[in-house]
């Protein structure tokens, strides 16, 4: 088996694994809580959805036939591509942890569900939006594995647009949970843990959106 074929198999395995994790979780959440409106996202909704389609389209195109994405190929060394595979393998169990902790609170937009609760356990003890962290690291892992500039840049564009949307999302959470969320936000990192960890006894209880 050629090295390139090994990368393709690894890429496909990571992709299928994450689709099973994320897809089954969203299906269960929507079945339990129903769909929610996306209009409250504002102008960022359009580029975020189009960018997401382009990113997923590029990933699927490379998985089907890497030649379709050869125009964006990068001359990455093999060790860096294998580092991408390793990163992806670490992200998958982290994604399971995040989705299991989040439960049915996940939505595709800034609106919370009727029975939404504030989650501060699991990875949410240190990070407010680990679901977005999971997505960023996963697509970076795929981009490195595929050695593809479009996938890598698409991941960065996506997290930039999510960051633009984030103030509105957190405003919704403050409107829903008030001082509990303000206190929680003051003691956690956005996508990655802060250098200074929160002390015991400062957490609120319940669950919430990523």
Protein backbone atom coordinates (compact mmCIF):
# COMPACT_ATOMS: atom_id res chain seq x y z
CA UNK A 1 0.00 0.00 0.00
CA UNK A 2 1.33 3.43 -0.96
CA UNK A 3 1.80 6.20 1.60
CA UNK A 4 -0.74 8.36 -0.21
CA UNK A 5 -3.32 5.60 -0.02
CA UNK A 6 -2.64 5.35 3.72
CA UNK A 7 -3.44 9.04 4.08
CA UNK A 8 -6.66 8.60 2.10
CA UNK A 9 -7.77 5.72 4.31
CA UNK A 10 -6.94 7.68 7.45
CA UNK A 11 -8.78 10.72 6.08
CA UNK A 12 -11.87 8.66 5.28
CA UNK A 13 -11.80 7.00 8.70
CA UNK A 14 -11.61 10.34 10.51
CA UNK A 15 -14.38 11.80 8.37
CA UNK A 16 -16.74 8.86 8.88
CA UNK A 17 -16.01 8.82 12.59
CA UNK A 18 -16.84 12.50 13.09
CA UNK A 19 -19.94 12.32 10.88
CA UNK A 20 -21.26 9.48 13.03
CA UNK A 21 -20.52 11.37 16.26
CA UNK A 22 -21.85 14.77 15.19
CA UNK A 23 -24.69 13.51 13.00
CA UNK A 24 -26.21 11.15 15.55
CA UNK A 25 -25.92 13.77 18.27
CA UNK A 26 -27.69 16.48 16.28
CA UNK A 27 -30.44 14.09 15.19
CA UNK A 28 -31.12 13.14 18.81
CA UNK A 29 -31.04 16.77 19.94
CA UNK A 30 -33.43 17.91 17.22
CA UNK A 31 -35.79 15.00 17.88
CA UNK A 32 -35.86 15.88 21.57
CA UNK A 33 -36.12 19.65 21.29
CA UNK A 34 -37.29 20.44 17.78
CA UNK A 35 -35.79 22.92 15.31
CA UNK A 36 -34.99 26.56 16.11
CA UNK A 37 -34.92 29.73 14.03
CA UNK A 38 -31.65 30.91 12.47
CA UNK A 39 -32.78 34.48 11.70
CA UNK A 40 -31.40 35.91 14.95
CA UNK A 41 -27.85 35.29 13.71
CA UNK A 42 -27.98 38.40 11.51
CA UNK A 43 -25.86 38.98 8.41
CA UNK A 44 -23.22 36.42 9.41
CA UNK A 45 -25.73 33.61 8.83
CA UNK A 46 -25.29 33.68 5.04
CA UNK A 47 -21.47 33.59 4.79
CA UNK A 48 -21.31 31.09 7.66
CA UNK A 49 -23.68 28.66 5.91
CA UNK A 50 -22.06 29.14 2.50
CA UNK A 51 -18.61 28.76 3.99
CA UNK A 52 -19.69 25.60 5.76
CA UNK A 53 -21.01 24.15 2.52
CA UNK A 54 -17.76 25.00 0.73
CA UNK A 55 -15.66 23.47 3.50
CA UNK A 56 -17.67 20.25 3.67
CA UNK A 57 -17.78 20.10 -0.12
CA UNK A 58 -13.99 20.32 -0.33
CA UNK A 59 -13.59 17.61 2.31
CA UNK A 60 -15.97 15.26 0.50
CA UNK A 61 -14.34 16.03 -2.85
CA UNK A 62 -10.89 15.12 -1.51
CA UNK A 63 -12.26 11.96 0.09
CA UNK A 64 -13.81 10.87 -3.24
CA UNK A 65 -10.87 11.86 -5.45
CA UNK A 66 -7.91 13.96 -4.22
CA UNK A 67 -7.29 15.07 -7.81
CA UNK A 68 -10.44 17.21 -7.57
CA UNK A 69 -8.68 19.35 -4.97
CA UNK A 70 -5.17 19.19 -6.42
CA UNK A 71 -5.30 22.92 -7.29
CA UNK A 72 -5.04 23.66 -3.54
CA UNK A 73 -2.43 21.00 -2.69
CA UNK A 74 0.36 21.91 -0.27
CA UNK A 75 3.87 20.39 -0.25
CA UNK A 76 3.68 19.34 3.40
CA UNK A 77 6.21 16.84 4.79
CA UNK A 78 4.89 13.40 5.65
CA UNK A 79 5.56 13.83 9.37
CA UNK A 80 3.25 16.86 9.44
CA UNK A 81 0.52 14.97 7.62
CA UNK A 82 0.83 12.10 10.10
CA UNK A 83 0.61 14.70 12.86
CA UNK A 84 -2.72 15.70 11.31
CA UNK A 85 -3.89 12.10 11.45
CA UNK A 86 -2.84 11.89 15.10
CA UNK A 87 -4.63 15.14 15.90
CA UNK A 88 -7.79 13.83 14.28
CA UNK A 89 -7.60 10.62 16.29
CA UNK A 90 -7.40 12.70 19.48
CA UNK A 91 -10.27 14.96 18.43
CA UNK A 92 -12.72 12.09 17.90
CA UNK A 93 -12.89 10.94 21.55
CA UNK A 94 -12.87 14.58 22.64
CA UNK A 95 -15.89 15.13 20.38
CA UNK A 96 -17.66 12.20 22.04
CA UNK A 97 -16.92 13.72 25.46
CA UNK A 98 -18.19 17.15 24.42
CA UNK A 99 -21.41 15.91 22.80
CA UNK A 100 -22.16 13.52 25.65
CA UNK A 101 -21.72 16.35 28.16
CA UNK A 102 -23.77 18.81 26.11
CA UNK A 103 -26.71 16.45 25.72
CA UNK A 104 -29.71 17.83 23.82
CA UNK A 105 -28.74 21.48 24.28
CA UNK A 106 -26.93 21.79 20.94
CA UNK A 107 -28.42 23.99 18.19
CA UNK A 108 -27.14 25.23 14.83
CA UNK A 109 -27.78 28.86 15.73
CA UNK A 110 -27.66 31.38 18.58
CA UNK A 111 -31.17 30.60 19.84
CA UNK A 112 -31.52 28.39 22.92
CA UNK A 113 -34.07 25.62 23.21
CA UNK A 114 -37.10 25.88 25.49
CA UNK A 115 -35.68 23.38 27.99
CA UNK A 116 -32.10 24.64 27.64
CA UNK A 117 -29.84 24.25 30.67
CA UNK A 118 -26.42 25.68 31.49
CA UNK A 119 -23.68 23.07 31.19
CA UNK A 120 -20.57 23.57 33.33
CA UNK A 121 -19.39 19.98 33.71
CA UNK A 122 -16.94 17.93 31.65
CA UNK A 123 -14.95 20.08 29.20
CA UNK A 124 -17.38 22.95 29.86
CA UNK A 125 -15.78 23.41 33.25
CA UNK A 126 -12.81 25.05 31.52
CA UNK A 127 -14.09 26.06 28.06
CA UNK A 128 -17.39 27.71 27.12
CA UNK A 129 -17.49 26.53 23.51
CA UNK A 130 -15.60 23.23 23.20
CA UNK A 131 -17.91 22.14 20.38
CA UNK A 132 -16.44 24.88 18.20
CA UNK A 133 -12.95 23.91 19.35
CA UNK A 134 -13.69 20.35 18.25
CA UNK A 135 -14.77 21.50 14.80
CA UNK A 136 -11.73 23.75 14.33
CA UNK A 137 -9.21 21.11 15.37
CA UNK A 138 -10.95 18.43 13.32
CA UNK A 139 -10.86 20.38 10.06
CA UNK A 140 -7.27 21.42 10.72
CA UNK A 141 -6.49 17.73 11.17
CA UNK A 142 -8.21 16.90 7.87
CA UNK A 143 -6.41 19.76 6.11
CA UNK A 144 -3.04 18.53 7.31
CA UNK A 145 -3.83 14.93 6.44
CA UNK A 146 -4.95 15.94 2.94
CA UNK A 147 -2.10 18.46 2.65
CA UNK A 148 -4.65 20.91 1.30
CA UNK A 149 -4.61 24.70 1.67
CA UNK A 150 -8.32 25.18 0.94
CA UNK A 151 -9.42 22.88 3.77
CA UNK A 152 -6.99 24.50 6.21
CA UNK A 153 -8.00 28.05 5.25
CA UNK A 154 -11.68 27.05 5.29
CA UNK A 155 -11.33 25.94 8.91
CA UNK A 156 -9.84 29.32 9.83
CA UNK A 157 -12.54 31.25 7.96
CA UNK A 158 -15.25 29.19 9.66
CA UNK A 159 -13.95 29.81 13.18
CA UNK A 160 -13.55 33.52 12.34
CA UNK A 161 -17.21 33.75 11.31
CA UNK A 162 -18.28 31.80 14.40
CA UNK A 163 -16.28 34.25 16.51
CA UNK A 164 -18.07 37.16 14.84
CA UNK A 165 -21.40 35.51 15.73
CA UNK A 166 -20.36 34.61 19.25
CA UNK A 167 -21.22 37.91 21.03
CA UNK A 168 -24.85 37.52 19.96
CA UNK A 169 -24.87 33.89 21.09
CA UNK A 170 -23.47 34.77 24.50
CA UNK A 171 -25.91 37.70 24.79
CA UNK A 172 -28.72 35.16 24.31
CA UNK A 173 -27.24 33.01 27.05
CA UNK A 174 -26.98 35.99 29.39
CA UNK A 175 -30.61 36.85 28.65
CA UNK A 176 -31.54 33.26 29.49
CA UNK A 177 -29.30 32.58 32.51
CA UNK A 178 -28.39 36.07 33.75
CA UNK A 179 -25.67 36.33 36.40
CA UNK A 180 -25.08 32.58 36.34
CA UNK A 181 -23.73 32.85 32.80
CA UNK A 182 -21.84 36.08 33.50
CA UNK A 183 -20.09 34.36 36.39
CA UNK A 184 -19.41 31.28 34.28
CA UNK A 185 -18.01 33.37 31.42
CA UNK A 186 -15.68 35.21 33.81
CA UNK A 187 -14.03 31.95 34.86
CA UNK A 188 -13.71 30.06 31.56
CA UNK A 189 -11.91 30.37 28.24
CA UNK A 190 -13.74 30.83 24.95
CA UNK A 191 -12.25 28.01 22.89
CA UNK A 192 -9.32 26.90 25.03
CA UNK A 193 -8.77 26.82 28.80
CA UNK A 194 -7.39 29.91 30.46
CA UNK A 195 -3.96 29.68 32.00
CA UNK A 196 -5.47 30.33 35.44
CA UNK A 197 -8.05 27.66 36.22
CA UNK A 198 -11.26 28.46 38.14
CA UNK A 199 -11.22 27.61 41.83
CA UNK A 200 -13.62 25.05 43.27
CA UNK A 201 -16.97 26.41 44.28
CA UNK A 202 -17.13 29.03 41.51
CA UNK A 203 -19.14 26.93 39.01
CA UNK A 204 -22.83 27.18 38.37
CA UNK A 205 -24.96 24.11 37.88
CA UNK A 206 -26.91 22.92 34.86
CA UNK A 207 -26.21 22.67 31.16
CA UNK A 208 -26.06 24.92 28.08
CA UNK A 209 -25.07 25.38 24.46
CA UNK A 210 -21.58 25.12 23.04
